[in-house]
Amino acid sequence: MSEEKRTFSRVPIRLKGHARIMRAIESPQIFTGDIVGDSTCRDNLFRNSKLPEDLTNFLTEMDRKLDRVLGLLSKETLQNDFPIDIEILELSAAGVKFRTKTELETNESLEIVLILSQVPLRMAGSKGRIHGIEDDTKLYRFEFVDTRGSDMEAIVQFVFQQQREQIRNSKM
């Protein structure tokens, strides 16, 4: 995420996340993807159905509520697997800047999970390394090293959404 070789946009943000220290960056990821389903799949669920519209609306709403309940139940498991709480203050597709109460070292390998949205629950995960800590802000600089395509897409979409929101707010 250094200034010289930055190729991704970054946005100031305030997100919660979780991390775990890895013995080696080559180790497999624990986080295997979004815990709740994709809303586009939900929208297509009853597309060509012959069910009455009221029933499909009811079932779709039940599906959303079940996703929320599953997300809440999965939160405890996530915190057990990723014991380090982090607060993300800057995000790009290249990495994050975060703070934590846990002491971390430069070049330490971590797997992190970003909570992009609480409702509906949307998360993304990545493996990477700490590139240091900034002297003035005391934020850790973390570079993504191994990110699955679906997680990278979720992060990029989130960054674009935040940029659009900032542009809208600046024009008011």
N, C-alpha and C. Protein backbone atom coordinates (compact mmCIF):
# COMPACT_ATOMS: atom_id res chain seq x y z
N MET A 1 0.81 -1.19 0.00
CA MET A 1 0.00 0.00 0.00
C MET A 1 0.86 1.25 0.00
N SER A 2 2.11 1.15 -0.39
CA SER A 2 2.96 2.32 -0.40
C SER A 2 2.53 3.27 -1.50
N GLU A 3 2.86 4.54 -1.32
CA GLU A 3 2.45 5.58 -2.26
C GLU A 3 2.99 5.33 -3.66
N GLU A 4 4.23 4.83 -3.76
CA GLU A 4 4.89 4.71 -5.05
C GLU A 4 4.21 3.70 -5.98
N LYS A 5 3.78 2.56 -5.44
CA LYS A 5 3.26 1.52 -6.31
C LYS A 5 1.76 1.28 -6.11
N ARG A 6 1.06 2.25 -5.59
CA ARG A 6 -0.37 2.11 -5.35
C ARG A 6 -1.11 2.14 -6.68
N THR A 7 -1.93 1.12 -6.93
CA THR A 7 -2.72 1.08 -8.16
C THR A 7 -4.22 1.02 -7.85
N PHE A 8 -4.60 0.96 -6.59
CA PHE A 8 -5.99 0.90 -6.20
C PHE A 8 -6.38 2.15 -5.44
N SER A 9 -7.63 2.54 -5.60
CA SER A 9 -8.17 3.64 -4.81
C SER A 9 -8.35 3.19 -3.38
N ARG A 10 -8.21 4.11 -2.47
CA ARG A 10 -8.46 3.78 -1.07
C ARG A 10 -9.39 4.81 -0.47
N VAL A 11 -10.14 4.37 0.52
CA VAL A 11 -11.12 5.25 1.14
C VAL A 11 -10.94 5.21 2.65
N PRO A 12 -11.12 6.37 3.27
CA PRO A 12 -11.17 6.37 4.73
C PRO A 12 -12.51 5.75 5.16
N ILE A 13 -12.47 4.92 6.15
CA ILE A 13 -13.65 4.15 6.54
C ILE A 13 -13.51 3.78 8.00
N ARG A 14 -14.57 3.31 8.57
CA ARG A 14 -14.50 2.77 9.93
C ARG A 14 -15.29 1.47 9.95
N LEU A 15 -14.57 0.36 9.90
CA LEU A 15 -15.17 -0.97 9.87
C LEU A 15 -14.59 -1.82 10.99
N LYS A 16 -15.37 -2.78 11.42
CA LYS A 16 -14.86 -3.77 12.36
C LYS A 16 -14.31 -4.94 11.56
N GLY A 17 -13.39 -5.63 12.17
CA GLY A 17 -12.82 -6.81 11.56
C GLY A 17 -12.22 -7.71 12.62
N HIS A 18 -11.80 -8.85 12.17
CA HIS A 18 -11.18 -9.84 13.06
C HIS A 18 -9.95 -10.40 12.35
N ALA A 19 -8.98 -10.81 13.14
CA ALA A 19 -7.74 -11.33 12.56
C ALA A 19 -7.24 -12.51 13.40
N ARG A 20 -6.39 -13.27 12.76
CA ARG A 20 -5.67 -14.34 13.46
C ARG A 20 -4.26 -14.37 12.91
N ILE A 21 -3.31 -14.69 13.78
CA ILE A 21 -1.92 -14.81 13.37
C ILE A 21 -1.74 -16.17 12.71
N MET A 22 -1.02 -16.17 11.58
CA MET A 22 -0.76 -17.41 10.84
C MET A 22 0.70 -17.78 11.01
N ARG A 23 0.98 -19.05 11.07
CA ARG A 23 2.38 -19.50 11.14
C ARG A 23 3.09 -19.23 9.83
N ALA A 24 2.39 -19.48 8.72
CA ALA A 24 2.96 -19.25 7.39
C ALA A 24 1.85 -18.75 6.47
N ILE A 25 2.21 -17.85 5.58
CA ILE A 25 1.23 -17.28 4.65
C ILE A 25 0.66 -18.35 3.72
N GLU A 26 1.39 -19.45 3.54
CA GLU A 26 0.95 -20.54 2.66
C GLU A 26 -0.14 -21.41 3.31
N SER A 27 -0.35 -21.25 4.60
CA SER A 27 -1.38 -22.03 5.30
C SER A 27 -2.75 -21.75 4.70
N PRO A 28 -3.63 -22.75 4.70
CA PRO A 28 -4.97 -22.52 4.15
C PRO A 28 -5.77 -21.54 5.00
N GLN A 29 -6.68 -20.84 4.33
CA GLN A 29 -7.55 -19.89 5.03
C GLN A 29 -8.59 -20.64 5.84
N ILE A 30 -8.97 -20.06 6.97
CA ILE A 30 -10.08 -20.59 7.77
C ILE A 30 -11.38 -20.01 7.24
N PHE A 31 -11.38 -18.71 6.96
CA PHE A 31 -12.59 -18.05 6.46
C PHE A 31 -12.80 -18.46 5.01
N THR A 32 -13.95 -19.06 4.75
CA THR A 32 -14.19 -19.60 3.41
C THR A 32 -15.22 -18.83 2.62
N GLY A 33 -15.62 -17.69 3.07
CA GLY A 33 -16.55 -16.89 2.28
C GLY A 33 -17.64 -16.30 3.12
N ASP A 34 -18.48 -15.55 2.44
CA ASP A 34 -19.60 -14.90 3.09
C ASP A 34 -20.48 -15.92 3.78
N ILE A 35 -20.82 -15.67 5.03
CA ILE A 35 -21.64 -16.61 5.79
C ILE A 35 -23.08 -16.60 5.30
N VAL A 36 -23.57 -15.46 4.90
CA VAL A 36 -24.95 -15.40 4.41
C VAL A 36 -24.95 -15.35 2.91
N GLY A 37 -26.07 -15.74 2.32
CA GLY A 37 -26.18 -15.84 0.88
C GLY A 37 -26.17 -14.50 0.17
N ASP A 38 -25.93 -14.54 -1.10
CA ASP A 38 -25.91 -13.37 -1.94
C ASP A 38 -27.34 -12.96 -2.28
N SER A 39 -27.64 -11.66 -2.17
CA SER A 39 -29.00 -11.20 -2.41
C SER A 39 -29.42 -11.39 -3.87
N THR A 40 -28.47 -11.41 -4.80
CA THR A 40 -28.86 -11.63 -6.20
C THR A 40 -29.38 -13.05 -6.39
N CYS A 41 -28.84 -14.02 -5.65
CA CYS A 41 -29.36 -15.39 -5.71
C CYS A 41 -30.78 -15.42 -5.16
N ARG A 42 -31.01 -14.68 -4.10
CA ARG A 42 -32.33 -14.62 -3.48
C ARG A 42 -33.34 -14.03 -4.45
N ASP A 43 -32.95 -12.98 -5.17
CA ASP A 43 -33.87 -12.34 -6.11
C ASP A 43 -34.25 -13.27 -7.25
N ASN A 44 -33.35 -14.14 -7.65
CA ASN A 44 -33.62 -15.07 -8.75
C ASN A 44 -34.32 -16.35 -8.29
N LEU A 45 -34.48 -16.52 -6.99
CA LEU A 45 -35.02 -17.75 -6.45
C LEU A 45 -36.43 -18.06 -6.98
N PHE A 46 -37.28 -17.05 -7.06
CA PHE A 46 -38.66 -17.26 -7.48
C PHE A 46 -38.97 -16.59 -8.81
N ARG A 47 -37.97 -16.29 -9.60
CA ARG A 47 -38.16 -15.52 -10.83
C ARG A 47 -39.20 -16.14 -11.77
N ASN A 48 -39.12 -17.41 -12.09
CA ASN A 48 -40.05 -18.05 -13.02
C ASN A 48 -41.05 -18.95 -12.31
N SER A 49 -41.28 -18.67 -11.05
CA SER A 49 -42.18 -19.50 -10.25
C SER A 49 -43.64 -19.17 -10.57
N LYS A 50 -44.49 -20.15 -10.39
CA LYS A 50 -45.93 -19.94 -10.58
C LYS A 50 -46.63 -19.70 -9.25
N LEU A 51 -45.84 -19.47 -8.19
CA LEU A 51 -46.42 -19.18 -6.88
C LEU A 51 -47.02 -17.79 -6.88
N PRO A 52 -48.04 -17.56 -6.08
CA PRO A 52 -48.62 -16.22 -5.97
C PRO A 52 -47.57 -15.22 -5.47
N GLU A 53 -47.68 -13.99 -5.93
CA GLU A 53 -46.70 -12.96 -5.59
C GLU A 53 -46.60 -12.73 -4.08
N ASP A 54 -47.73 -12.74 -3.37
CA ASP A 54 -47.70 -12.55 -1.92
C ASP A 54 -46.90 -13.65 -1.23
N LEU A 55 -47.05 -14.87 -1.70
CA LEU A 55 -46.31 -15.98 -1.12
C LEU A 55 -44.81 -15.85 -1.40
N THR A 56 -44.44 -15.49 -2.62
CA THR A 56 -43.01 -15.32 -2.93
C THR A 56 -42.42 -14.18 -2.11
N ASN A 57 -43.17 -13.09 -1.90
CA ASN A 57 -42.68 -11.99 -1.06
C ASN A 57 -42.47 -12.46 0.37
N PHE A 58 -43.42 -13.24 0.88
CA PHE A 58 -43.31 -13.76 2.24
C PHE A 58 -42.08 -14.67 2.38
N LEU A 59 -41.91 -15.59 1.43
CA LEU A 59 -40.77 -16.51 1.48
C LEU A 59 -39.44 -15.78 1.34
N THR A 60 -39.40 -14.78 0.50
CA THR A 60 -38.18 -13.98 0.33
C THR A 60 -37.84 -13.25 1.63
N GLU A 61 -38.84 -12.69 2.28
CA GLU A 61 -38.61 -11.99 3.55
C GLU A 61 -38.17 -12.97 4.64
N MET A 62 -38.74 -14.16 4.67
CA MET A 62 -38.31 -15.19 5.62
C MET A 62 -36.85 -15.58 5.38
N ASP A 63 -36.47 -15.67 4.11
CA ASP A 63 -35.09 -15.99 3.76
C ASP A 63 -34.15 -14.92 4.27
N ARG A 64 -34.53 -13.66 4.12
CA ARG A 64 -33.70 -12.55 4.64
C ARG A 64 -33.55 -12.63 6.15
N LYS A 65 -34.65 -12.91 6.84
CA LYS A 65 -34.61 -13.00 8.30
C LYS A 65 -33.75 -14.17 8.76
N LEU A 66 -33.85 -15.29 8.08
CA LEU A 66 -33.00 -16.43 8.42
C LEU A 66 -31.52 -16.10 8.20
N ASP A 67 -31.21 -15.35 7.14
CA ASP A 67 -29.83 -14.93 6.92
C ASP A 67 -29.33 -14.10 8.09
N ARG A 68 -30.16 -13.21 8.60
CA ARG A 68 -29.76 -12.38 9.75
C ARG A 68 -29.50 -13.24 10.98
N VAL A 69 -30.40 -14.20 11.25
CA VAL A 69 -30.23 -15.08 12.41
C VAL A 69 -28.96 -15.91 12.27
N LEU A 70 -28.73 -16.47 11.09
CA LEU A 70 -27.50 -17.25 10.86
C LEU A 70 -26.26 -16.38 11.02
N GLY A 71 -26.32 -15.15 10.57
CA GLY A 71 -25.20 -14.24 10.74
C GLY A 71 -24.89 -13.98 12.19
N LEU A 72 -25.93 -13.78 13.00
CA LEU A 72 -25.73 -13.56 14.43
C LEU A 72 -25.17 -14.79 15.11
N LEU A 73 -25.66 -15.96 14.74
CA LEU A 73 -25.16 -17.20 15.33
C LEU A 73 -23.72 -17.47 14.92
N SER A 74 -23.35 -17.08 13.72
CA SER A 74 -22.00 -17.32 13.22
C SER A 74 -20.98 -16.36 13.81
N LYS A 75 -21.44 -15.26 14.38
CA LYS A 75 -20.54 -14.25 14.91
C LYS A 75 -19.64 -14.81 16.01
N GLU A 76 -20.21 -15.65 16.89
CA GLU A 76 -19.42 -16.23 17.98
C GLU A 76 -18.34 -17.15 17.43
N THR A 77 -18.67 -17.96 16.44
CA THR A 77 -17.69 -18.84 15.82
C THR A 77 -16.58 -18.02 15.18
N LEU A 78 -16.93 -16.95 14.52
CA LEU A 78 -15.95 -16.08 13.88
C LEU A 78 -14.99 -15.50 14.91
N GLN A 79 -15.53 -15.04 16.05
CA GLN A 79 -14.67 -14.46 17.08
C GLN A 79 -13.77 -15.51 17.72
N ASN A 80 -14.22 -16.76 17.78
CA ASN A 80 -13.36 -17.83 18.32
C ASN A 80 -12.21 -18.14 17.36
N ASP A 81 -12.50 -18.18 16.07
CA ASP A 81 -11.47 -18.49 15.07
C ASP A 81 -10.52 -17.32 14.84
N PHE A 82 -11.01 -16.10 15.01
CA PHE A 82 -10.23 -14.88 14.76
C PHE A 82 -10.25 -14.02 16.02
N PRO A 83 -9.36 -14.33 16.98
CA PRO A 83 -9.44 -13.70 18.31
C PRO A 83 -8.99 -12.24 18.39
N ILE A 84 -8.33 -11.73 17.35
CA ILE A 84 -7.82 -10.36 17.40
C ILE A 84 -8.86 -9.42 16.78
N ASP A 85 -9.40 -8.52 17.60
CA ASP A 85 -10.34 -7.51 17.09
C ASP A 85 -9.54 -6.38 16.47
N ILE A 86 -9.96 -5.95 15.27
CA ILE A 86 -9.31 -4.84 14.60
C ILE A 86 -10.35 -3.80 14.19
N GLU A 87 -9.91 -2.56 14.14
CA GLU A 87 -10.73 -1.47 13.65
C GLU A 87 -10.05 -0.94 12.38
N ILE A 88 -10.73 -1.08 11.25
CA ILE A 88 -10.16 -0.70 9.97
C ILE A 88 -10.51 0.76 9.70
N LEU A 89 -9.49 1.56 9.41
CA LEU A 89 -9.69 2.99 9.20
C LEU A 89 -9.39 3.43 7.77
N GLU A 90 -8.82 2.53 6.97
CA GLU A 90 -8.58 2.82 5.56
C GLU A 90 -8.61 1.50 4.80
N LEU A 91 -9.28 1.52 3.64
CA LEU A 91 -9.46 0.29 2.88
C LEU A 91 -9.20 0.53 1.41
N SER A 92 -8.51 -0.41 0.80
CA SER A 92 -8.36 -0.45 -0.65
C SER A 92 -8.29 -1.92 -1.05
N ALA A 93 -8.26 -2.17 -2.34
CA ALA A 93 -8.15 -3.56 -2.81
C ALA A 93 -6.73 -4.09 -2.60
N ALA A 94 -5.79 -3.22 -2.22
CA ALA A 94 -4.42 -3.65 -1.96
C ALA A 94 -4.19 -4.01 -0.50
N GLY A 95 -5.02 -3.45 0.40
CA GLY A 95 -4.83 -3.72 1.81
C GLY A 95 -5.62 -2.77 2.68
N VAL A 96 -5.29 -2.78 3.97
CA VAL A 96 -5.99 -1.94 4.94
C VAL A 96 -4.99 -1.29 5.89
N LYS A 97 -5.47 -0.26 6.55
CA LYS A 97 -4.78 0.30 7.71
C LYS A 97 -5.73 0.11 8.87
N PHE A 98 -5.20 -0.42 9.97
CA PHE A 98 -6.06 -0.73 11.10
C PHE A 98 -5.34 -0.49 12.41
N ARG A 99 -6.15 -0.47 13.48
CA ARG A 99 -5.59 -0.42 14.83
C ARG A 99 -6.15 -1.60 15.61
N THR A 100 -5.39 -1.99 16.60
CA THR A 100 -5.79 -3.10 17.46
C THR A 100 -5.08 -2.95 18.80
N LYS A 101 -5.63 -3.57 19.81
CA LYS A 101 -5.00 -3.56 21.12
C LYS A 101 -3.90 -4.61 21.22
N THR A 102 -3.89 -5.55 20.28
CA THR A 102 -2.90 -6.63 20.27
C THR A 102 -1.61 -6.13 19.62
N GLU A 103 -0.50 -6.44 20.22
CA GLU A 103 0.82 -6.07 19.69
C GLU A 103 1.17 -6.99 18.52
N LEU A 104 1.44 -6.41 17.37
CA LEU A 104 1.80 -7.17 16.17
C LEU A 104 3.15 -6.71 15.66
N GLU A 105 3.81 -7.57 14.89
CA GLU A 105 5.15 -7.26 14.40
C GLU A 105 5.16 -7.12 12.88
N THR A 106 6.10 -6.33 12.37
CA THR A 106 6.28 -6.17 10.94
C THR A 106 6.59 -7.52 10.31
N ASN A 107 6.04 -7.76 9.13
CA ASN A 107 6.16 -9.01 8.36
C ASN A 107 5.41 -10.18 8.97
N GLU A 108 4.62 -9.95 10.01
CA GLU A 108 3.82 -11.02 10.58
C GLU A 108 2.68 -11.35 9.62
N SER A 109 2.43 -12.64 9.43
CA SER A 109 1.36 -13.09 8.55
C SER A 109 0.05 -13.18 9.32
N LEU A 110 -1.01 -12.63 8.73
CA LEU A 110 -2.33 -12.64 9.34
C LEU A 110 -3.37 -13.08 8.32
N GLU A 111 -4.44 -13.61 8.83
CA GLU A 111 -5.65 -13.76 8.03
C GLU A 111 -6.67 -12.84 8.68
N ILE A 112 -7.30 -11.99 7.88
CA ILE A 112 -8.27 -11.06 8.43
C ILE A 112 -9.63 -11.27 7.76
N VAL A 113 -10.66 -10.89 8.50
CA VAL A 113 -12.03 -10.89 7.99
C VAL A 113 -12.57 -9.49 8.21
N LEU A 114 -13.02 -8.87 7.13
CA LEU A 114 -13.61 -7.53 7.18
C LEU A 114 -15.12 -7.66 7.24
N ILE A 115 -15.75 -6.95 8.12
CA ILE A 115 -17.22 -6.92 8.17
C ILE A 115 -17.64 -5.68 7.38
N LEU A 116 -18.01 -5.90 6.13
CA LEU A 116 -18.34 -4.80 5.23
C LEU A 116 -19.72 -4.23 5.51
N SER A 117 -20.63 -5.05 6.03
CA SER A 117 -21.99 -4.61 6.31
C SER A 117 -22.57 -5.50 7.39
N GLN A 118 -23.27 -4.88 8.34
CA GLN A 118 -23.89 -5.64 9.43
C GLN A 118 -25.22 -6.26 8.98
N VAL A 119 -26.06 -5.47 8.29
CA VAL A 119 -27.36 -5.95 7.83
C VAL A 119 -27.55 -5.50 6.40
N PRO A 120 -27.60 -6.37 5.43
CA PRO A 120 -27.35 -7.79 5.58
C PRO A 120 -25.86 -8.02 5.83
N LEU A 121 -25.54 -9.08 6.52
CA LEU A 121 -24.16 -9.38 6.87
C LEU A 121 -23.36 -9.69 5.62
N ARG A 122 -22.32 -8.87 5.38
CA ARG A 122 -21.41 -9.09 4.24
C ARG A 122 -19.99 -9.01 4.77
N MET A 123 -19.22 -10.03 4.44
CA MET A 123 -17.83 -10.09 4.91
C MET A 123 -16.92 -10.47 3.76
N ALA A 124 -15.66 -10.16 3.94
CA ALA A 124 -14.62 -10.56 2.99
C ALA A 124 -13.38 -10.90 3.80
N GLY A 125 -12.60 -11.84 3.29
CA GLY A 125 -11.40 -12.26 4.00
C GLY A 125 -10.18 -12.25 3.09
N SER A 126 -9.02 -12.20 3.73
CA SER A 126 -7.77 -12.24 2.98
C SER A 126 -6.63 -12.64 3.90
N LYS A 127 -5.60 -13.21 3.28
CA LYS A 127 -4.34 -13.46 3.98
C LYS A 127 -3.38 -12.36 3.54
N GLY A 128 -2.46 -12.02 4.43
CA GLY A 128 -1.49 -10.99 4.07
C GLY A 128 -0.46 -10.78 5.15
N ARG A 129 0.29 -9.69 4.99
CA ARG A 129 1.39 -9.38 5.91
C ARG A 129 1.31 -7.95 6.40
N ILE A 130 1.82 -7.77 7.60
CA ILE A 130 1.93 -6.42 8.16
C ILE A 130 3.20 -5.79 7.60
N HIS A 131 3.05 -4.60 7.05
CA HIS A 131 4.20 -3.90 6.48
C HIS A 131 4.78 -2.86 7.41
N GLY A 132 4.23 -2.75 8.58
CA GLY A 132 4.76 -1.80 9.55
C GLY A 132 3.64 -1.05 10.24
N ILE A 133 4.07 -0.10 11.05
CA ILE A 133 3.13 0.74 11.79
C ILE A 133 3.52 2.19 11.53
N GLU A 134 2.54 3.02 11.27
CA GLU A 134 2.81 4.43 11.00
C GLU A 134 3.14 5.14 12.30
N ASP A 135 4.19 5.94 12.27
CA ASP A 135 4.63 6.64 13.47
C ASP A 135 3.60 7.63 14.00
N ASP A 136 3.01 8.40 13.08
CA ASP A 136 2.10 9.47 13.52
C ASP A 136 0.73 8.96 13.95
N THR A 137 0.15 8.01 13.23
CA THR A 137 -1.21 7.54 13.53
C THR A 137 -1.25 6.26 14.35
N LYS A 138 -0.12 5.55 14.40
CA LYS A 138 -0.03 4.25 15.08
C LYS A 138 -0.95 3.20 14.45
N LEU A 139 -1.21 3.35 13.15
CA LEU A 139 -2.01 2.38 12.42
C LEU A 139 -1.10 1.35 11.78
N TYR A 140 -1.51 0.09 11.84
CA TYR A 140 -0.79 -0.97 11.16
C TYR A 140 -1.13 -0.93 9.68
N ARG A 141 -0.11 -1.09 8.82
CA ARG A 141 -0.32 -1.20 7.37
C ARG A 141 -0.29 -2.67 7.01
N PHE A 142 -1.38 -3.16 6.44
CA PHE A 142 -1.54 -4.58 6.11
C PHE A 142 -1.78 -4.71 4.62
N GLU A 143 -0.95 -5.52 3.96
CA GLU A 143 -1.09 -5.73 2.52
C GLU A 143 -1.72 -7.09 2.26
N PHE A 144 -2.76 -7.10 1.42
CA PHE A 144 -3.37 -8.36 1.02
C PHE A 144 -2.37 -9.11 0.13
N VAL A 145 -2.15 -10.38 0.43
CA VAL A 145 -1.25 -11.21 -0.36
C VAL A 145 -2.02 -12.27 -1.12
N ASP A 146 -3.01 -12.87 -0.48
CA ASP A 146 -3.77 -13.96 -1.09
C ASP A 146 -5.25 -13.72 -0.80
N THR A 147 -5.98 -13.23 -1.80
CA THR A 147 -7.40 -12.94 -1.66
C THR A 147 -8.17 -13.67 -2.74
N ARG A 148 -9.18 -14.42 -2.35
CA ARG A 148 -10.02 -15.11 -3.34
C ARG A 148 -10.75 -14.08 -4.19
N GLY A 149 -11.10 -14.47 -5.41
CA GLY A 149 -11.74 -13.57 -6.34
C GLY A 149 -13.03 -12.97 -5.82
N SER A 150 -13.88 -13.77 -5.17
CA SER A 150 -15.16 -13.26 -4.67
C SER A 150 -14.96 -12.26 -3.54
N ASP A 151 -13.93 -12.48 -2.71
CA ASP A 151 -13.64 -11.53 -1.63
C ASP A 151 -13.09 -10.22 -2.21
N MET A 152 -12.20 -10.34 -3.21
CA MET A 152 -11.65 -9.14 -3.84
C MET A 152 -12.77 -8.33 -4.50
N GLU A 153 -13.68 -9.01 -5.16
CA GLU A 153 -14.80 -8.32 -5.81
C GLU A 153 -15.66 -7.59 -4.77
N ALA A 154 -15.93 -8.22 -3.63
CA ALA A 154 -16.72 -7.59 -2.58
C ALA A 154 -16.01 -6.35 -2.04
N ILE A 155 -14.69 -6.41 -1.88
CA ILE A 155 -13.93 -5.27 -1.38
C ILE A 155 -13.94 -4.14 -2.39
N VAL A 156 -13.69 -4.46 -3.66
CA VAL A 156 -13.67 -3.42 -4.71
C VAL A 156 -15.04 -2.76 -4.82
N GLN A 157 -16.11 -3.55 -4.82
CA GLN A 157 -17.45 -2.98 -4.88
C GLN A 157 -17.72 -2.07 -3.69
N PHE A 158 -17.27 -2.48 -2.51
CA PHE A 158 -17.46 -1.68 -1.31
C PHE A 158 -16.72 -0.35 -1.43
N VAL A 159 -15.48 -0.39 -1.90
CA VAL A 159 -14.69 0.84 -2.07
C VAL A 159 -15.37 1.78 -3.06
N PHE A 160 -15.82 1.24 -4.20
CA PHE A 160 -16.53 2.08 -5.18
C PHE A 160 -17.79 2.68 -4.59
N GLN A 161 -18.53 1.91 -3.82
CA GLN A 161 -19.75 2.41 -3.19
C GLN A 161 -19.43 3.56 -2.25
N GLN A 162 -18.36 3.42 -1.47
CA GLN A 162 -17.96 4.48 -0.55
C GLN A 162 -17.51 5.73 -1.30
N GLN A 163 -16.80 5.54 -2.41
CA GLN A 163 -16.37 6.68 -3.22
C GLN A 163 -17.58 7.42 -3.80
N ARG A 164 -18.55 6.69 -4.30
CA ARG A 164 -19.76 7.33 -4.83
C ARG A 164 -20.47 8.13 -3.75
N GLU A 165 -20.55 7.55 -2.55
CA GLU A 165 -21.19 8.24 -1.43
C GLU A 165 -20.44 9.51 -1.06
N GLN A 166 -19.11 9.47 -1.08
CA GLN A 166 -18.32 10.66 -0.77
C GLN A 166 -18.53 11.74 -1.83
N ILE A 167 -18.63 11.35 -3.09
CA ILE A 167 -18.86 12.31 -4.18
C ILE A 167 -20.24 12.95 -4.00
N ARG A 168 -21.25 12.13 -3.72
CA ARG A 168 -22.60 12.67 -3.50
C ARG A 168 -22.62 13.67 -2.35
N ASN A 169 -21.95 13.32 -1.25
CA ASN A 169 -21.92 14.19 -0.09
C ASN A 169 -21.16 15.48 -0.35
N SER A 170 -20.14 15.42 -1.18
CA SER A 170 -19.34 16.63 -1.46
C SER A 170 -20.08 17.61 -2.36
N LYS A 171 -21.07 17.14 -3.13
CA LYS A 171 -21.82 18.01 -4.03
C LYS A 171 -23.01 18.67 -3.36
N MET A 172 -23.27 18.31 -2.12
CA MET A 172 -24.41 18.90 -1.42
C MET A 172 -24.09 20.27 -0.87
